[in-house]
Amino acid sequence: MLRRTLFAVAAVMVAILLICGCTGTTSGPTPADNETQQLRIATTTSLHDTKLLDHLKPIFEEQYNAEVLIISAGTGKAIEYGERGDVDVLMVHDRAREDAFLANGYGTDRRVFAYNYFVLVGPESDPAGVANMTPEAAFTAIREKGTTGDANVTFVSRGDASGTHSKEQAIWKAAGFNYTTDVQGSGDWYQEAGTGMGATLSMANEKQAYTLSDIGTYLAYKGDIDLVTLVDEGDILLNVYCAMQINPEKYPDTNTTLAKDWINFLISDEVQNEIASFGVDQYGQPLFYAVGDDWEKIGVTEAEVKDPVQ
């Protein structure tokens, strides 16, 4: 708990530095070979809450004589940092917004480096009776129980414009509901945390509520909460992570060299092996899957997985 608190304070401090533009860039003369450079990354919270980036960061820093500054802000906020040119790299998981980010000229060189799946978790008593349903049927049952006044049925949403929040909205849509009229504001059964995945899981646990989580963060928090996995199958639950650099033509002060190094580092065989084994010893399964040759399975091109950024 103390480690999480200290990291959260550090992340806030880095966020302030980024907003103020105080972190510095590599514009101007090329740094001396022995000079440590900074790489600024804005990331979705799941990559932080699972400690995957904590694991990879020192490996990269040693290899590239770099200091990696990480802001864990959720996909929506991370994209805002990218649109302002406050960072060098984005690491997010919302394909529609990633495509828009690239199309609007803010980013380049999207590469997919990992994937996992979302899961619907909730109290073991499962008051809405959703265990082993499809995601769409489970959401429908939770809403039906919640809107008819079952006080035991609550759904806690990220509610923060994150990739997980976007996925939740996609499931509501697939289930036939208009999110803004049929779900939001439809009763006390539906509550918005407005925070990261770890904190949302903790909130759902306190309320003995349902929530949607990526499997990695759920496993990382499983020892601290009582919630269990109730729905973990369905094509809509696929969760794909990408990295892309901020477009240097739009923001010339971007550390393009380190941004490319980081992205190529993520898709390298060495780091793909690190991703594939991360969490196995502690949780009995990986928190993320390395992409490897699964590019077709997860709906991306081979180039998006394997082509080094030049």
C-alpha atoms as a PDB file:
ATOM      1  CA  MET A   1       0.000   0.000   0.000  1.00  0.00           C
ATOM      2  CA  LEU A   2       2.842   2.378   0.870  1.00  0.00           C
ATOM      3  CA  ARG A   3       4.507   1.627  -2.455  1.00  0.00           C
ATOM      4  CA  ARG A   4       1.320   2.469  -4.342  1.00  0.00           C
ATOM      5  CA  THR A   5       0.923   5.719  -2.397  1.00  0.00           C
ATOM      6  CA  LEU A   6       4.505   6.799  -3.056  1.00  0.00           C
ATOM      7  CA  PHE A   7       4.182   5.977  -6.753  1.00  0.00           C
ATOM      8  CA  ALA A   8       0.923   7.914  -6.996  1.00  0.00           C
ATOM      9  CA  VAL A   9       2.589  10.979  -5.453  1.00  0.00           C
ATOM     10  CA  ALA A  10       5.497  10.650  -7.866  1.00  0.00           C
ATOM     11  CA  ALA A  11       3.125  10.364 -10.833  1.00  0.00           C
ATOM     12  CA  VAL A  12       1.328  13.542  -9.796  1.00  0.00           C
ATOM     13  CA  MET A  13       4.648  15.379  -9.526  1.00  0.00           C
ATOM     14  CA  VAL A  14       5.659  14.222 -12.988  1.00  0.00           C
ATOM     15  CA  ALA A  15       2.256  15.260 -14.340  1.00  0.00           C
ATOM     16  CA  ILE A  16       2.791  18.778 -12.977  1.00  0.00           C
ATOM     17  CA  LEU A  17       6.194  18.905 -14.603  1.00  0.00           C
ATOM     18  CA  LEU A  18       4.739  17.820 -17.941  1.00  0.00           C
ATOM     19  CA  ILE A  19       1.952  20.366 -17.834  1.00  0.00           C
ATOM     20  CA  CYS A  20       4.428  23.117 -16.968  1.00  0.00           C
ATOM     21  CA  GLY A  21       6.769  22.025 -19.720  1.00  0.00           C
ATOM     22  CA  CYS A  22       9.562  21.693 -17.176  1.00  0.00           C
ATOM     23  CA  THR A  23      10.876  18.247 -18.120  1.00  0.00           C
ATOM     24  CA  GLY A  24      13.000  19.341 -21.052  1.00  0.00           C
ATOM     25  CA  THR A  25      13.386  17.811 -24.509  1.00  0.00           C
ATOM     26  CA  THR A  26      16.119  16.915 -26.903  1.00  0.00           C
ATOM     27  CA  SER A  27      15.666  19.875 -29.236  1.00  0.00           C
ATOM     28  CA  GLY A  28      18.885  21.649 -30.209  1.00  0.00           C
ATOM     29  CA  PRO A  29      22.325  19.989 -30.248  1.00  0.00           C
ATOM     30  CA  THR A  30      22.532  16.224 -29.966  1.00  0.00           C
ATOM     31  CA  PRO A  31      23.293  15.228 -26.342  1.00  0.00           C
ATOM     32  CA  ALA A  32      26.720  13.861 -25.542  1.00  0.00           C
ATOM     33  CA  ASP A  33      26.967  10.085 -25.554  1.00  0.00           C
ATOM     34  CA  ASN A  34      27.189   9.954 -21.763  1.00  0.00           C
ATOM     35  CA  GLU A  35      24.313  12.353 -21.140  1.00  0.00           C
ATOM     36  CA  THR A  36      21.098  10.845 -19.770  1.00  0.00           C
ATOM     37  CA  GLN A  37      18.077  11.783 -21.864  1.00  0.00           C
ATOM     38  CA  GLN A  38      14.456  11.856 -20.767  1.00  0.00           C
ATOM     39  CA  LEU A  39      11.606   9.954 -22.377  1.00  0.00           C
ATOM     40  CA  ARG A  40       8.109  11.098 -21.423  1.00  0.00           C
ATOM     41  CA  ILE A  41       5.329   8.515 -21.670  1.00  0.00           C
ATOM     42  CA  ALA A  42       1.597   8.931 -21.088  1.00  0.00           C
ATOM     43  CA  THR A  43      -0.069   5.581 -20.471  1.00  0.00           C
ATOM     44  CA  THR A  44      -3.323   3.879 -19.676  1.00  0.00           C
ATOM     45  CA  THR A  45      -3.578   3.009 -15.985  1.00  0.00           C
ATOM     46  CA  SER A  46      -3.623  -0.766 -16.475  1.00  0.00           C
ATOM     47  CA  LEU A  47      -0.020  -0.800 -17.674  1.00  0.00           C
ATOM     48  CA  HIS A  48       0.907   1.071 -14.497  1.00  0.00           C
ATOM     49  CA  ASP A  49      -1.365  -0.691 -11.996  1.00  0.00           C
ATOM     50  CA  THR A  50      -0.125  -4.115 -13.080  1.00  0.00           C
ATOM     51  CA  LYS A  51       3.504  -2.942 -12.597  1.00  0.00           C
ATOM     52  CA  LEU A  52       4.419  -4.023 -16.143  1.00  0.00           C
ATOM     53  CA  LEU A  53       6.013  -0.656 -16.854  1.00  0.00           C
ATOM     54  CA  ASP A  54       7.834  -0.758 -13.519  1.00  0.00           C
ATOM     55  CA  HIS A  55       9.317  -4.031 -14.742  1.00  0.00           C
ATOM     56  CA  LEU A  56      10.312  -2.817 -18.215  1.00  0.00           C
ATOM     57  CA  LYS A  57      11.445   0.703 -17.346  1.00  0.00           C
ATOM     58  CA  PRO A  58      14.814  -0.114 -15.702  1.00  0.00           C
ATOM     59  CA  ILE A  59      15.728  -2.496 -18.523  1.00  0.00           C
ATOM     60  CA  PHE A  60      15.252   0.280 -21.075  1.00  0.00           C
ATOM     61  CA  GLU A  61      16.930   2.930 -18.936  1.00  0.00           C
ATOM     62  CA  GLU A  62      20.069   0.827 -18.609  1.00  0.00           C
ATOM     63  CA  GLN A  63      20.229  -0.093 -22.275  1.00  0.00           C
ATOM     64  CA  TYR A  64      19.645   3.434 -23.572  1.00  0.00           C
ATOM     65  CA  ASN A  65      21.090   5.593 -20.777  1.00  0.00           C
ATOM     66  CA  ALA A  66      17.664   7.170 -20.374  1.00  0.00           C
ATOM     67  CA  GLU A  67      15.341   8.425 -17.676  1.00  0.00           C
ATOM     68  CA  VAL A  68      11.766   7.336 -18.322  1.00  0.00           C
ATOM     69  CA  LEU A  69       9.040   9.584 -16.895  1.00  0.00           C
ATOM     70  CA  ILE A  70       5.650   7.888 -16.817  1.00  0.00           C
ATOM     71  CA  ILE A  71       2.242   9.487 -16.403  1.00  0.00           C
ATOM     72  CA  SER A  72      -0.537   6.995 -15.686  1.00  0.00           C
ATOM     73  CA  ALA A  73      -3.677   8.846 -16.673  1.00  0.00           C
ATOM     74  CA  GLY A  74      -6.049   6.544 -18.534  1.00  0.00           C
ATOM     75  CA  THR A  75      -6.411   6.527 -22.312  1.00  0.00           C
ATOM     76  CA  GLY A  76      -8.545   9.668 -22.535  1.00  0.00           C
ATOM     77  CA  LYS A  77      -6.198  11.816 -20.449  1.00  0.00           C
ATOM     78  CA  ALA A  78      -3.119  10.252 -22.049  1.00  0.00           C
ATOM     79  CA  ILE A  79      -4.405  11.266 -25.462  1.00  0.00           C
ATOM     80  CA  GLU A  80      -4.920  14.821 -24.191  1.00  0.00           C
ATOM     81  CA  TYR A  81      -1.257  14.912 -23.156  1.00  0.00           C
ATOM     82  CA  GLY A  82      -0.330  13.701 -26.620  1.00  0.00           C
ATOM     83  CA  GLU A  83      -2.508  16.248 -28.378  1.00  0.00           C
ATOM     84  CA  ARG A  84      -0.746  19.015 -26.444  1.00  0.00           C
ATOM     85  CA  GLY A  85       2.709  17.621 -27.219  1.00  0.00           C
ATOM     86  CA  ASP A  86       3.471  17.185 -23.513  1.00  0.00           C
ATOM     87  CA  VAL A  87       4.908  13.686 -23.977  1.00  0.00           C
ATOM     88  CA  ASP A  88       6.979  11.717 -26.467  1.00  0.00           C
ATOM     89  CA  VAL A  89       5.048   8.422 -26.502  1.00  0.00           C
ATOM     90  CA  LEU A  90       1.491   7.242 -25.896  1.00  0.00           C
ATOM     91  CA  MET A  91       0.626   3.747 -24.652  1.00  0.00           C
ATOM     92  CA  VAL A  92      -3.134   3.212 -24.868  1.00  0.00           C
ATOM     93  CA  HIS A  93      -5.854   0.677 -25.723  1.00  0.00           C
ATOM     94  CA  ASP A  94      -8.735   2.210 -27.665  1.00  0.00           C
ATOM     95  CA  ARG A  95      -8.411   1.590 -31.401  1.00  0.00           C
ATOM     96  CA  ALA A  96     -11.045   4.106 -32.509  1.00  0.00           C
ATOM     97  CA  ARG A  97      -9.380   6.955 -30.655  1.00  0.00           C
ATOM     98  CA  GLU A  98      -5.930   5.786 -31.682  1.00  0.00           C
ATOM     99  CA  ASP A  99      -6.980   5.926 -35.343  1.00  0.00           C
ATOM    100  CA  ALA A 100      -8.418   9.421 -34.840  1.00  0.00           C
ATOM    101  CA  PHE A 101      -5.215  10.529 -33.089  1.00  0.00           C
ATOM    102  CA  LEU A 102      -3.152   9.359 -36.058  1.00  0.00           C
ATOM    103  CA  ALA A 103      -5.564  10.738 -38.660  1.00  0.00           C
ATOM    104  CA  ASN A 104      -5.462  14.165 -37.016  1.00  0.00           C
ATOM    105  CA  GLY A 105      -1.688  14.246 -37.290  1.00  0.00           C
ATOM    106  CA  TYR A 106      -0.832  13.974 -33.605  1.00  0.00           C
ATOM    107  CA  GLY A 107       0.895  10.596 -33.707  1.00  0.00           C
ATOM    108  CA  THR A 108       2.914   8.285 -35.921  1.00  0.00           C
ATOM    109  CA  ASP A 109       4.269   4.741 -35.968  1.00  0.00           C
ATOM    110  CA  ARG A 110       1.570   2.849 -34.116  1.00  0.00           C
ATOM    111  CA  ARG A 111       2.811  -0.536 -32.971  1.00  0.00           C
ATOM    112  CA  VAL A 112       0.901  -3.228 -31.075  1.00  0.00           C
ATOM    113  CA  PHE A 113       2.961  -4.853 -28.318  1.00  0.00           C
ATOM    114  CA  ALA A 114       0.519  -6.764 -26.056  1.00  0.00           C
ATOM    115  CA  TYR A 115      -3.044  -7.855 -25.543  1.00  0.00           C
ATOM    116  CA  ASN A 116      -5.254  -9.428 -22.930  1.00  0.00           C
ATOM    117  CA  TYR A 117      -8.976  -9.527 -22.222  1.00  0.00           C
ATOM    118  CA  PHE A 118     -11.513  -7.641 -20.186  1.00  0.00           C
ATOM    119  CA  VAL A 119     -13.474  -9.465 -17.527  1.00  0.00           C
ATOM    120  CA  LEU A 120     -16.681  -8.709 -15.690  1.00  0.00           C
ATOM    121  CA  VAL A 121     -16.041  -9.122 -11.978  1.00  0.00           C
ATOM    122  CA  GLY A 122     -18.409  -8.917  -9.044  1.00  0.00           C
ATOM    123  CA  PRO A 123     -19.336 -10.329  -5.645  1.00  0.00           C
ATOM    124  CA  GLU A 124     -19.190 -14.089  -5.302  1.00  0.00           C
ATOM    125  CA  SER A 125     -22.890 -14.072  -4.369  1.00  0.00           C
ATOM    126  CA  ASP A 126     -23.614 -12.737  -7.890  1.00  0.00           C
ATOM    127  CA  PRO A 127     -26.971 -11.083  -7.051  1.00  0.00           C
ATOM    128  CA  ALA A 128     -27.784 -10.456 -10.720  1.00  0.00           C
ATOM    129  CA  GLY A 129     -27.069 -14.073 -11.669  1.00  0.00           C
ATOM    130  CA  VAL A 130     -24.728 -13.249 -14.541  1.00  0.00           C
ATOM    131  CA  ALA A 131     -22.025 -15.919 -14.153  1.00  0.00           C
ATOM    132  CA  ASN A 132     -20.968 -17.460 -17.482  1.00  0.00           C
ATOM    133  CA  MET A 133     -23.363 -15.320 -19.527  1.00  0.00           C
ATOM    134  CA  THR A 134     -22.190 -13.488 -22.625  1.00  0.00           C
ATOM    135  CA  PRO A 135     -20.970  -9.968 -21.810  1.00  0.00           C
ATOM    136  CA  GLU A 136     -24.021  -8.443 -23.482  1.00  0.00           C
ATOM    137  CA  ALA A 137     -26.483 -10.669 -21.614  1.00  0.00           C
ATOM    138  CA  ALA A 138     -24.696 -10.019 -18.315  1.00  0.00           C
ATOM    139  CA  PHE A 139     -24.872  -6.242 -18.749  1.00  0.00           C
ATOM    140  CA  THR A 140     -28.560  -6.538 -19.630  1.00  0.00           C
ATOM    141  CA  ALA A 141     -29.286  -8.589 -16.496  1.00  0.00           C
ATOM    142  CA  ILE A 142     -27.376  -6.179 -14.255  1.00  0.00           C
ATOM    143  CA  ARG A 143     -29.261  -3.209 -15.650  1.00  0.00           C
ATOM    144  CA  GLU A 144     -32.621  -4.971 -15.335  1.00  0.00           C
ATOM    145  CA  LYS A 145     -32.004  -5.881 -11.694  1.00  0.00           C
ATOM    146  CA  GLY A 146     -30.579  -2.458 -10.908  1.00  0.00           C
ATOM    147  CA  THR A 147     -33.328  -0.394 -12.487  1.00  0.00           C
ATOM    148  CA  THR A 148     -36.073  -2.449 -10.842  1.00  0.00           C
ATOM    149  CA  GLY A 149     -34.723  -1.524  -7.432  1.00  0.00           C
ATOM    150  CA  ASP A 150     -32.646  -4.501  -6.329  1.00  0.00           C
ATOM    151  CA  ALA A 151     -30.430  -2.812  -3.733  1.00  0.00           C
ATOM    152  CA  ASN A 152     -27.916  -5.641  -3.929  1.00  0.00           C
ATOM    153  CA  VAL A 153     -27.077  -4.919  -7.572  1.00  0.00           C
ATOM    154  CA  THR A 154     -24.642  -2.091  -8.299  1.00  0.00           C
ATOM    155  CA  PHE A 155     -22.331  -1.482 -11.232  1.00  0.00           C
ATOM    156  CA  VAL A 156     -19.260   0.712 -10.771  1.00  0.00           C
ATOM    157  CA  SER A 157     -18.005   2.256 -13.995  1.00  0.00           C
ATOM    158  CA  ARG A 158     -14.585   3.762 -14.588  1.00  0.00           C
ATOM    159  CA  GLY A 159     -16.472   6.808 -15.836  1.00  0.00           C
ATOM    160  CA  ASP A 160     -13.220   8.481 -16.865  1.00  0.00           C
ATOM    161  CA  ALA A 161     -13.072   8.334 -20.685  1.00  0.00           C
ATOM    162  CA  SER A 162     -10.465   5.574 -20.412  1.00  0.00           C
ATOM    163  CA  GLY A 163     -10.062   2.659 -22.787  1.00  0.00           C
ATOM    164  CA  THR A 164     -11.883   0.469 -20.284  1.00  0.00           C
ATOM    165  CA  HIS A 165     -14.730   2.984 -20.085  1.00  0.00           C
ATOM    166  CA  SER A 166     -14.938   2.982 -23.894  1.00  0.00           C
ATOM    167  CA  LYS A 167     -15.084  -0.806 -23.912  1.00  0.00           C
ATOM    168  CA  GLU A 168     -17.855  -0.748 -21.311  1.00  0.00           C
ATOM    169  CA  GLN A 169     -19.849   1.647 -23.502  1.00  0.00           C
ATOM    170  CA  ALA A 170     -19.282  -0.646 -26.492  1.00  0.00           C
ATOM    171  CA  ILE A 171     -20.756  -3.556 -24.546  1.00  0.00           C
ATOM    172  CA  TRP A 172     -23.804  -1.503 -23.546  1.00  0.00           C
ATOM    173  CA  LYS A 173     -24.280  -0.595 -27.207  1.00  0.00           C
ATOM    174  CA  ALA A 174     -23.888  -4.220 -28.307  1.00  0.00           C
ATOM    175  CA  ALA A 175     -26.513  -5.143 -25.709  1.00  0.00           C
ATOM    176  CA  GLY A 176     -28.940  -2.720 -27.364  1.00  0.00           C
ATOM    177  CA  PHE A 177     -28.755   0.224 -24.946  1.00  0.00           C
ATOM    178  CA  ASN A 178     -28.068   3.900 -25.504  1.00  0.00           C
ATOM    179  CA  TYR A 179     -25.390   4.634 -22.953  1.00  0.00           C
ATOM    180  CA  THR A 180     -26.291   8.265 -22.295  1.00  0.00           C
ATOM    181  CA  THR A 181     -30.044   7.719 -22.000  1.00  0.00           C
ATOM    182  CA  ASP A 182     -30.446   4.117 -20.841  1.00  0.00           C
ATOM    183  CA  VAL A 183     -27.476   3.712 -18.502  1.00  0.00           C
ATOM    184  CA  GLN A 184     -26.019   6.965 -17.195  1.00  0.00           C
ATOM    185  CA  GLY A 185     -28.344   8.620 -14.732  1.00  0.00           C
ATOM    186  CA  SER A 186     -30.785   5.700 -14.789  1.00  0.00           C
ATOM    187  CA  GLY A 187     -30.573   5.097 -11.055  1.00  0.00           C
ATOM    188  CA  ASP A 188     -28.326   4.579  -8.064  1.00  0.00           C
ATOM    189  CA  TRP A 189     -27.439   1.119  -9.330  1.00  0.00           C
ATOM    190  CA  TYR A 190     -24.981   2.729 -11.788  1.00  0.00           C
ATOM    191  CA  GLN A 191     -22.100   4.664 -10.246  1.00  0.00           C
ATOM    192  CA  GLU A 192     -19.072   6.288 -11.849  1.00  0.00           C
ATOM    193  CA  ALA A 193     -15.712   6.142 -10.086  1.00  0.00           C
ATOM    194  CA  GLY A 194     -13.987   8.690 -12.318  1.00  0.00           C
ATOM    195  CA  THR A 195     -10.617   7.134 -11.552  1.00  0.00           C
ATOM    196  CA  GLY A 196      -8.097   4.471 -12.574  1.00  0.00           C
ATOM    197  CA  MET A 197      -8.649   0.737 -12.776  1.00  0.00           C
ATOM    198  CA  GLY A 198      -7.049  -0.187  -9.470  1.00  0.00           C
ATOM    199  CA  ALA A 199      -9.025   2.415  -7.557  1.00  0.00           C
ATOM    200  CA  THR A 200     -12.216   1.405  -9.378  1.00  0.00           C
ATOM    201  CA  LEU A 201     -11.717  -2.218  -8.369  1.00  0.00           C
ATOM    202  CA  SER A 202     -11.237  -1.132  -4.765  1.00  0.00           C
ATOM    203  CA  MET A 203     -14.404   0.949  -4.903  1.00  0.00           C
ATOM    204  CA  ALA A 204     -16.392  -1.905  -6.445  1.00  0.00           C
ATOM    205  CA  ASN A 205     -15.065  -4.212  -3.757  1.00  0.00           C
ATOM    206  CA  GLU A 206     -16.185  -1.865  -0.979  1.00  0.00           C
ATOM    207  CA  LYS A 207     -19.663  -1.700  -2.493  1.00  0.00           C
ATOM    208  CA  GLN A 208     -19.723  -5.395  -3.454  1.00  0.00           C
ATOM    209  CA  ALA A 209     -20.550  -4.240  -6.951  1.00  0.00           C
ATOM    210  CA  TYR A 210     -19.920  -5.377 -10.502  1.00  0.00           C
ATOM    211  CA  THR A 211     -17.297  -3.715 -12.665  1.00  0.00           C
ATOM    212  CA  LEU A 212     -15.451  -4.240 -15.930  1.00  0.00           C
ATOM    213  CA  SER A 213     -11.689  -4.660 -15.619  1.00  0.00           C
ATOM    214  CA  ASP A 214      -8.795  -5.725 -17.759  1.00  0.00           C
ATOM    215  CA  ILE A 215      -7.664  -9.134 -16.541  1.00  0.00           C
ATOM    216  CA  GLY A 216      -4.153  -7.904 -15.770  1.00  0.00           C
ATOM    217  CA  THR A 217      -5.184  -5.276 -13.243  1.00  0.00           C
ATOM    218  CA  TYR A 218      -7.745  -7.621 -11.712  1.00  0.00           C
ATOM    219  CA  LEU A 219      -5.092 -10.288 -11.140  1.00  0.00           C
ATOM    220  CA  ALA A 220      -2.717  -7.699  -9.682  1.00  0.00           C
ATOM    221  CA  TYR A 221      -5.390  -6.628  -7.172  1.00  0.00           C
ATOM    222  CA  LYS A 222      -6.973 -10.013  -6.609  1.00  0.00           C
ATOM    223  CA  GLY A 223      -5.191 -10.579  -3.318  1.00  0.00           C
ATOM    224  CA  ASP A 224      -6.604  -7.330  -1.910  1.00  0.00           C
ATOM    225  CA  ILE A 225     -10.248  -7.693  -2.959  1.00  0.00           C
ATOM    226  CA  ASP A 226     -13.067 -10.225  -2.677  1.00  0.00           C
ATOM    227  CA  LEU A 227     -14.500  -9.819  -6.188  1.00  0.00           C
ATOM    228  CA  VAL A 228     -14.472 -12.848  -8.486  1.00  0.00           C
ATOM    229  CA  THR A 229     -14.452 -13.259 -12.249  1.00  0.00           C
ATOM    230  CA  LEU A 230     -17.979 -13.917 -13.523  1.00  0.00           C
ATOM    231  CA  VAL A 231     -17.742 -13.367 -17.293  1.00  0.00           C
ATOM    232  CA  ASP A 232     -14.492 -13.842 -19.198  1.00  0.00           C
ATOM    233  CA  GLU A 233     -15.492 -15.052 -22.647  1.00  0.00           C
ATOM    234  CA  GLY A 234     -16.732 -13.127 -25.675  1.00  0.00           C
ATOM    235  CA  ASP A 235     -15.064 -11.571 -28.707  1.00  0.00           C
ATOM    236  CA  ILE A 236     -15.969  -8.089 -27.502  1.00  0.00           C
ATOM    237  CA  LEU A 237     -13.695  -8.528 -24.459  1.00  0.00           C
ATOM    238  CA  LEU A 238     -10.471  -8.426 -26.496  1.00  0.00           C
ATOM    239  CA  ASN A 239      -8.113  -5.713 -25.230  1.00  0.00           C
ATOM    240  CA  VAL A 240      -5.222  -4.624 -27.478  1.00  0.00           C
ATOM    241  CA  TYR A 241      -2.402  -2.318 -26.349  1.00  0.00           C
ATOM    242  CA  CYS A 242      -0.394  -0.090 -28.646  1.00  0.00           C
ATOM    243  CA  ALA A 243       2.405   2.453 -28.452  1.00  0.00           C
ATOM    244  CA  MET A 244       2.907   5.381 -30.809  1.00  0.00           C
ATOM    245  CA  GLN A 245       5.183   8.350 -30.878  1.00  0.00           C
ATOM    246  CA  ILE A 246       4.026  11.950 -30.938  1.00  0.00           C
ATOM    247  CA  ASN A 247       4.397  13.420 -34.416  1.00  0.00           C
ATOM    248  CA  PRO A 248       7.652  15.423 -34.489  1.00  0.00           C
ATOM    249  CA  GLU A 249       6.392  17.454 -37.449  1.00  0.00           C
ATOM    250  CA  LYS A 250       3.663  18.821 -35.196  1.00  0.00           C
ATOM    251  CA  TYR A 251       5.812  19.017 -32.068  1.00  0.00           C
ATOM    252  CA  PRO A 252       9.494  19.427 -33.053  1.00  0.00           C
ATOM    253  CA  ASP A 253      10.704  19.212 -29.445  1.00  0.00           C
ATOM    254  CA  THR A 254       9.614  15.582 -29.198  1.00  0.00           C
ATOM    255  CA  ASN A 255      12.440  13.220 -28.316  1.00  0.00           C
ATOM    256  CA  THR A 256      12.025  11.279 -31.523  1.00  0.00           C
ATOM    257  CA  THR A 257      15.111   9.135 -31.090  1.00  0.00           C
ATOM    258  CA  LEU A 258      14.146   7.760 -27.682  1.00  0.00           C
ATOM    259  CA  ALA A 259      10.497   7.472 -28.711  1.00  0.00           C
ATOM    260  CA  LYS A 260      11.465   5.201 -31.581  1.00  0.00           C
ATOM    261  CA  ASP A 261      13.871   3.289 -29.354  1.00  0.00           C
ATOM    262  CA  TRP A 262      11.095   2.673 -26.812  1.00  0.00           C
ATOM    263  CA  ILE A 263       8.611   1.431 -29.397  1.00  0.00           C
ATOM    264  CA  ASN A 264      11.184  -0.867 -31.003  1.00  0.00           C
ATOM    265  CA  PHE A 265      12.154  -2.047 -27.520  1.00  0.00           C
ATOM    266  CA  LEU A 266       8.531  -3.071 -26.854  1.00  0.00           C
ATOM    267  CA  ILE A 267       8.227  -5.147 -30.032  1.00  0.00           C
ATOM    268  CA  SER A 268      11.678  -6.731 -29.726  1.00  0.00           C
ATOM    269  CA  ASP A 269      11.926 -10.464 -29.090  1.00  0.00           C
ATOM    270  CA  GLU A 270      13.569  -9.819 -25.721  1.00  0.00           C
ATOM    271  CA  VAL A 271      10.765  -7.653 -24.382  1.00  0.00           C
ATOM    272  CA  GLN A 272       8.039  -9.753 -25.948  1.00  0.00           C
ATOM    273  CA  ASN A 273       9.433 -12.629 -23.881  1.00  0.00           C
ATOM    274  CA  GLU A 274       9.402 -10.406 -20.791  1.00  0.00           C
ATOM    275  CA  ILE A 275       5.748  -9.523 -21.419  1.00  0.00           C
ATOM    276  CA  ALA A 276       4.804 -13.162 -22.003  1.00  0.00           C
ATOM    277  CA  SER A 277       6.293 -14.251 -18.679  1.00  0.00           C
ATOM    278  CA  PHE A 278       5.333 -11.224 -16.593  1.00  0.00           C
ATOM    279  CA  GLY A 279       3.133 -12.263 -13.685  1.00  0.00           C
ATOM    280  CA  VAL A 280       3.279 -15.997 -14.332  1.00  0.00           C
ATOM    281  CA  ASP A 281       5.305 -16.802 -11.219  1.00  0.00           C
ATOM    282  CA  GLN A 282       3.023 -14.760  -8.969  1.00  0.00           C
ATOM    283  CA  TYR A 283      -0.405 -15.282 -10.548  1.00  0.00           C
ATOM    284  CA  GLY A 284      -0.061 -18.564 -12.421  1.00  0.00           C
ATOM    285  CA  GLN A 285      -0.764 -16.851 -15.744  1.00  0.00           C
ATOM    286  CA  PRO A 286       0.545 -13.854 -17.675  1.00  0.00           C
ATOM    287  CA  LEU A 287      -1.089 -10.491 -17.058  1.00  0.00           C
ATOM    288  CA  PHE A 288      -0.609  -9.696 -20.754  1.00  0.00           C
ATOM    289  CA  TYR A 289      -0.009 -11.798 -23.839  1.00  0.00           C
ATOM    290  CA  ALA A 290       2.888 -11.056 -26.131  1.00  0.00           C
ATOM    291  CA  VAL A 291       1.604 -10.477 -29.637  1.00  0.00           C
ATOM    292  CA  GLY A 292       4.136 -12.659 -31.466  1.00  0.00           C
ATOM    293  CA  ASP A 293       2.347 -14.258 -34.406  1.00  0.00           C
ATOM    294  CA  ASP A 294      -1.126 -13.512 -33.036  1.00  0.00           C
ATOM    295  CA  TRP A 295      -1.512 -10.354 -35.130  1.00  0.00           C
ATOM    296  CA  GLU A 296      -4.275 -11.823 -37.302  1.00  0.00           C
ATOM    297  CA  LYS A 297      -6.075 -13.252 -34.262  1.00  0.00           C
ATOM    298  CA  ILE A 298      -6.301  -9.817 -32.658  1.00  0.00           C
ATOM    299  CA  GLY A 299      -7.272  -7.995 -35.844  1.00  0.00           C
ATOM    300  CA  VAL A 300      -4.152  -5.999 -36.683  1.00  0.00           C
ATOM    301  CA  THR A 301      -1.646  -6.161 -39.519  1.00  0.00           C
ATOM    302  CA  GLU A 302       1.672  -7.948 -39.274  1.00  0.00           C
ATOM    303  CA  ALA A 303       3.436  -4.633 -39.942  1.00  0.00           C
ATOM    304  CA  GLU A 304       1.801  -3.077 -36.866  1.00  0.00           C
ATOM    305  CA  VAL A 305       3.385  -5.806 -34.763  1.00  0.00           C
ATOM    306  CA  LYS A 306       6.743  -6.579 -36.310  1.00  0.00           C
ATOM    307  CA  ASP A 307       8.049  -3.705 -38.438  1.00  0.00           C
ATOM    308  CA  PRO A 308      10.692  -1.674 -36.571  1.00  0.00           C
ATOM    309  CA  VAL A 309      10.128   2.082 -36.482  1.00  0.00           C
ATOM    310  CA  GLN A 310      12.715   3.788 -38.693  1.00  0.00           C
END
